[in-house]
N, C-alpha and C. Protein backbone atom coordinates (compact mmCIF):
# COMPACT_ATOMS: atom_id res chain seq x y z
N MET A 1 77.36 85.97 138.07
CA MET A 1 77.11 84.93 139.15
C MET A 1 75.58 84.87 139.45
N LYS A 2 75.06 83.66 139.60
CA LYS A 2 73.64 83.63 139.95
C LYS A 2 73.48 82.80 141.23
N LYS A 3 72.81 83.34 142.19
CA LYS A 3 72.53 82.67 143.43
C LYS A 3 71.36 81.64 143.22
N HIS A 4 71.33 80.75 144.08
CA HIS A 4 70.28 79.63 143.97
C HIS A 4 68.90 80.33 144.18
N GLU A 5 68.72 81.41 144.82
CA GLU A 5 67.48 82.06 144.97
C GLU A 5 66.96 82.89 143.73
N GLY A 6 67.89 83.03 142.79
CA GLY A 6 67.49 83.71 141.57
C GLY A 6 68.11 85.14 141.46
N LEU A 7 68.81 85.58 142.57
CA LEU A 7 69.38 86.84 142.45
C LEU A 7 70.65 86.84 141.55
N GLU A 8 70.70 87.75 140.61
CA GLU A 8 71.83 87.73 139.76
C GLU A 8 72.64 88.99 140.01
N VAL A 9 73.96 88.79 140.16
CA VAL A 9 74.90 89.95 140.56
C VAL A 9 75.94 89.99 139.44
N GLN A 10 76.36 91.22 139.10
CA GLN A 10 77.41 91.48 138.20
C GLN A 10 78.37 92.56 138.77
N ALA A 11 79.58 92.37 138.66
CA ALA A 11 80.57 93.41 139.32
C ALA A 11 81.68 93.57 138.35
N ASN A 12 82.23 94.80 138.39
CA ASN A 12 83.46 95.10 137.54
C ASN A 12 84.46 95.83 138.47
N LEU A 13 85.72 95.38 138.30
CA LEU A 13 86.80 96.05 139.07
C LEU A 13 87.29 97.22 138.31
N ASP A 14 87.23 98.45 139.00
CA ASP A 14 87.77 99.67 138.38
C ASP A 14 89.18 99.95 139.03
N GLU A 15 90.17 99.75 138.23
CA GLU A 15 91.51 99.86 138.63
C GLU A 15 92.13 101.23 138.36
N SER A 16 91.24 102.16 137.99
CA SER A 16 91.71 103.55 137.75
C SER A 16 92.25 104.23 139.03
N ARG A 17 93.05 105.14 138.86
CA ARG A 17 93.58 105.91 140.04
C ARG A 17 92.80 107.29 140.05
N TYR A 18 92.39 107.63 141.24
CA TYR A 18 91.54 108.87 141.33
C TYR A 18 92.25 109.78 142.36
N GLU A 19 92.26 111.06 142.10
CA GLU A 19 92.93 112.06 143.00
C GLU A 19 92.06 112.11 144.27
N ILE A 20 92.84 112.29 145.36
CA ILE A 20 92.14 112.26 146.61
C ILE A 20 92.20 113.84 147.10
N GLY A 21 91.34 114.16 148.08
CA GLY A 21 91.40 115.40 148.69
C GLY A 21 90.61 116.50 147.81
N ILE A 22 89.97 116.08 146.79
CA ILE A 22 89.19 117.07 145.97
C ILE A 22 88.03 117.57 146.76
N LYS A 23 87.94 118.92 146.89
CA LYS A 23 86.98 119.66 147.55
C LYS A 23 85.72 119.88 146.74
N VAL A 24 84.54 119.68 147.29
CA VAL A 24 83.34 119.91 146.52
C VAL A 24 82.60 121.06 147.30
N ALA A 25 82.17 122.08 146.49
CA ALA A 25 81.44 123.25 147.11
C ALA A 25 80.14 122.73 147.74
N ASP A 26 79.80 123.28 148.88
CA ASP A 26 78.54 122.91 149.55
C ASP A 26 77.29 122.98 148.62
N GLN A 27 77.36 124.07 147.89
CA GLN A 27 76.20 124.23 146.90
C GLN A 27 76.07 123.10 145.91
N ASP A 28 77.21 122.63 145.41
CA ASP A 28 77.27 121.51 144.49
C ASP A 28 76.87 120.26 145.24
N PHE A 29 77.37 120.07 146.32
CA PHE A 29 77.03 118.75 147.08
C PHE A 29 75.65 118.59 147.45
N ASN A 30 75.03 119.80 147.83
CA ASN A 30 73.64 119.86 148.34
C ASN A 30 72.65 119.78 147.08
N SER A 31 73.23 119.96 145.90
CA SER A 31 72.35 119.86 144.71
C SER A 31 72.18 118.38 144.24
N ILE A 32 72.89 117.45 144.84
CA ILE A 32 72.67 115.99 144.50
C ILE A 32 71.46 115.43 145.12
N ALA A 33 70.66 114.86 144.35
CA ALA A 33 69.38 114.35 144.78
C ALA A 33 69.59 112.90 145.33
N ILE A 34 69.84 112.89 146.69
CA ILE A 34 70.13 111.54 147.31
C ILE A 34 68.91 111.17 148.05
N GLU A 35 68.43 110.00 147.86
CA GLU A 35 67.20 109.42 148.46
C GLU A 35 67.63 108.21 149.38
N PRO A 36 67.69 108.39 150.66
CA PRO A 36 68.10 107.22 151.49
C PRO A 36 66.97 106.15 151.45
N HIS A 37 67.50 104.84 151.47
CA HIS A 37 66.61 103.80 151.47
C HIS A 37 66.03 103.64 152.93
N SER A 38 64.89 103.01 153.09
CA SER A 38 64.13 102.83 154.31
C SER A 38 64.92 102.00 155.28
N TRP A 39 65.78 101.04 154.72
CA TRP A 39 66.67 100.17 155.48
C TRP A 39 68.02 100.50 155.39
N ARG A 40 68.67 100.95 156.49
CA ARG A 40 70.10 101.47 156.58
C ARG A 40 70.31 102.48 155.51
N GLY A 41 69.57 103.53 155.64
CA GLY A 41 69.65 104.66 154.71
C GLY A 41 70.99 105.33 154.65
N GLU A 42 71.78 105.14 155.72
CA GLU A 42 73.16 105.77 155.68
C GLU A 42 74.07 105.00 154.76
N TRP A 43 73.78 103.81 154.47
CA TRP A 43 74.50 102.90 153.57
C TRP A 43 73.88 102.70 152.22
N ASN A 44 72.61 102.63 152.19
CA ASN A 44 71.89 102.34 151.09
C ASN A 44 71.07 103.54 150.51
N TYR A 45 71.28 103.98 149.36
CA TYR A 45 70.55 105.21 148.93
C TYR A 45 70.55 105.17 147.35
N ILE A 46 69.69 106.06 146.79
CA ILE A 46 69.65 106.26 145.40
C ILE A 46 70.07 107.63 144.99
N ILE A 47 70.86 107.75 144.14
CA ILE A 47 71.26 109.09 143.56
C ILE A 47 70.43 109.29 142.30
N LYS A 48 69.57 110.19 142.36
CA LYS A 48 68.55 110.31 141.25
C LYS A 48 69.16 111.41 140.23
N PRO A 49 68.84 111.28 139.02
CA PRO A 49 69.39 112.21 137.94
C PRO A 49 68.87 113.69 138.25
N ARG A 50 69.72 114.50 137.78
CA ARG A 50 69.32 115.91 137.98
C ARG A 50 68.23 116.31 137.07
N VAL A 51 67.29 117.23 137.46
CA VAL A 51 66.28 117.65 136.55
C VAL A 51 66.58 118.95 135.99
N SER A 52 66.55 119.04 134.65
CA SER A 52 66.88 120.33 134.08
C SER A 52 65.80 121.39 134.28
N PRO A 53 66.14 122.52 134.47
CA PRO A 53 65.10 123.58 134.69
C PRO A 53 64.29 123.86 133.36
């Protein structure tokens, strides 16, 4: 889909079923490199790749 301003958007529906209630250890969660965006950082963020040691 292309908007008249030139923004192009593509989306795919993932109909897979995922298990709920999976617990992630604090250490694993804290190792995710999340960078919040300056606008609405609680909703908009970048998950950066892990850097190998």
